[in-house]
Amino acid sequence: QVQLVESGGGLVQAGGSLRLSCAASGRSFSSYAMGWFRQAPGKEREFVAGISWSGSSTIYADSVKGRFTISRVKVYNTVTVYLQMNSLKPEDTAVYYCGSDRVGPLTDWHLYDYWGQGTQVTVSS
């Protein structure tokens, strides 16, 4: 059974930090690129950060460059992808989702094949 389970969201003040986790299992996710997206109310899902299957290549949305860091680690049959978020701003408030793709990391969410349920991040001013 494929599972992507996000955790680590919460309420934080502007300027604070959070670390999101996404535990992926049920497939050979060690050969998948992984990405983080976010969706604010009334807006389309947008790309945040992506990492290649090996971890050697990462890409970021311009809005988070220099503040967010994506990484990944494999333990047994589970791949965990992290998103370290620093210097958070109110405009970072959204539900954050992790997803997997076979060829990326890609920035178009339509091309991802598996998704987690999301975790809420709220940044107060």
Protein backbone atom coordinates (compact mmCIF):
# COMPACT_ATOMS: atom_id res chain seq x y z
CA GLN A 1 0.00 0.00 0.00
CA VAL A 2 1.42 3.34 -1.06
CA GLN A 3 1.56 5.89 1.71
CA LEU A 4 2.92 9.41 1.88
CA VAL A 5 2.38 10.87 5.32
CA GLU A 6 3.25 14.49 6.06
CA SER A 7 3.82 15.87 9.54
CA GLY A 8 5.40 18.83 11.27
CA GLY A 9 2.98 21.59 10.40
CA GLY A 10 1.64 24.04 12.93
CA LEU A 11 1.27 27.65 13.98
CA VAL A 12 4.39 29.80 14.11
CA GLN A 13 5.15 33.49 14.30
CA ALA A 14 6.70 35.34 11.40
CA GLY A 15 10.45 34.84 11.39
CA GLY A 16 10.16 31.42 12.98
CA SER A 17 11.00 27.97 11.68
CA LEU A 18 9.31 24.64 11.08
CA ARG A 19 10.51 21.34 9.69
CA LEU A 20 8.07 19.28 7.67
CA SER A 21 8.50 15.55 7.15
CA CYS A 22 7.04 13.24 4.54
CA ALA A 23 7.37 9.49 5.05
CA ALA A 24 6.89 7.57 1.81
CA SER A 25 6.46 3.80 1.68
CA GLY A 26 4.85 1.08 -0.39
CA ARG A 27 6.86 1.72 -3.56
CA SER A 28 10.52 1.98 -4.46
CA PHE A 29 10.53 5.65 -3.59
CA SER A 30 14.31 5.60 -3.45
CA SER A 31 14.14 5.80 -7.26
CA TYR A 32 11.54 8.61 -7.30
CA ALA A 33 12.08 12.32 -7.24
CA MET A 34 10.09 14.02 -4.50
CA GLY A 35 8.58 17.45 -4.21
CA TRP A 36 6.84 19.78 -1.80
CA PHE A 37 3.90 21.88 -2.92
CA ARG A 38 1.53 24.16 -1.08
CA GLN A 39 -2.00 25.37 -1.53
CA ALA A 40 -3.55 28.39 0.11
CA PRO A 41 -7.33 28.88 0.24
CA GLY A 42 -8.71 29.88 -3.13
CA LYS A 43 -5.38 29.38 -4.88
CA GLU A 44 -3.94 26.68 -7.09
CA ARG A 45 -1.39 24.25 -5.75
CA GLU A 46 2.08 25.70 -6.25
CA PHE A 47 5.55 24.23 -6.37
CA VAL A 48 7.81 24.86 -3.39
CA ALA A 49 10.84 22.57 -3.64
CA GLY A 50 11.96 19.35 -5.30
CA ILE A 51 14.74 16.83 -4.91
CA SER A 52 16.05 14.17 -7.26
CA TRP A 53 16.00 10.47 -6.42
CA SER A 54 19.67 10.58 -5.42
CA GLY A 55 19.40 13.81 -3.47
CA SER A 56 22.13 15.36 -5.59
CA SER A 57 19.84 17.86 -7.30
CA THR A 58 17.40 20.27 -5.70
CA ILE A 59 15.24 23.07 -7.06
CA TYR A 60 13.25 25.77 -5.30
CA ALA A 61 10.56 28.28 -6.07
CA ASP A 62 11.96 31.81 -6.15
CA SER A 63 9.72 32.76 -3.25
CA VAL A 64 11.45 30.32 -0.88
CA LYS A 65 15.06 30.31 -2.11
CA GLY A 66 17.49 30.94 0.70
CA ARG A 67 14.84 30.21 3.34
CA PHE A 68 13.73 26.62 2.69
CA THR A 69 15.86 23.49 2.34
CA ILE A 70 14.71 20.13 1.03
CA SER A 71 16.50 16.89 1.87
CA ARG A 72 15.83 13.17 1.89
CA VAL A 73 16.94 10.02 3.68
CA LYS A 74 16.15 6.34 3.28
CA VAL A 75 15.76 4.02 6.23
CA TYR A 76 14.88 0.43 5.34
CA ASN A 77 11.86 0.65 3.01
CA THR A 78 10.81 4.18 3.88
CA VAL A 79 12.02 7.35 2.23
CA THR A 80 11.59 10.47 4.33
CA VAL A 81 11.71 13.88 2.72
CA TYR A 82 12.23 16.95 4.86
CA LEU A 83 11.45 20.58 4.25
CA GLN A 84 13.29 22.89 6.64
CA MET A 85 11.52 26.24 6.59
CA ASN A 86 13.25 29.26 8.12
CA SER A 87 12.39 32.95 8.22
CA LEU A 88 8.74 32.11 7.70
CA LYS A 89 6.40 34.79 6.41
CA PRO A 90 2.61 35.11 6.63
CA GLU A 91 2.44 34.46 2.88
CA ASP A 92 3.89 30.99 3.50
CA THR A 93 0.60 30.04 5.16
CA ALA A 94 -0.90 27.08 3.29
CA VAL A 95 -1.49 23.35 3.35
CA TYR A 96 1.78 21.70 2.38
CA TYR A 97 1.78 18.49 0.38
CA CYS A 98 4.53 16.12 -0.65
CA GLY A 99 4.40 14.16 -3.85
CA SER A 100 6.47 11.79 -5.90
CA ASP A 101 7.37 11.73 -9.58
CA ARG A 102 9.43 9.32 -11.63
CA VAL A 103 11.52 11.67 -13.73
CA GLY A 104 11.92 14.92 -11.88
CA PRO A 105 12.02 16.79 -9.74
CA LEU A 106 9.21 18.47 -11.64
CA THR A 107 7.50 21.74 -10.89
CA ASP A 108 4.10 20.87 -12.38
CA TRP A 109 1.91 19.16 -9.79
CA HIS A 110 -0.23 17.54 -12.48
CA LEU A 111 2.72 15.28 -13.34
CA TYR A 112 3.10 13.82 -9.87
CA ASP A 113 1.72 10.37 -9.25
CA TYR A 114 1.38 9.98 -5.48
CA TRP A 115 0.42 12.53 -2.82
CA GLY A 116 0.14 12.80 0.91
CA GLN A 117 -2.84 14.20 2.77
CA GLY A 118 -1.18 17.53 3.57
CA THR A 119 -0.15 19.37 6.70
CA GLN A 120 -1.28 22.88 7.65
CA VAL A 121 1.29 25.61 8.15
CA THR A 122 0.06 28.90 9.57
CA VAL A 123 2.38 31.87 10.00
CA SER A 124 1.09 34.74 12.10
CA SER A 125 2.29 38.30 11.67
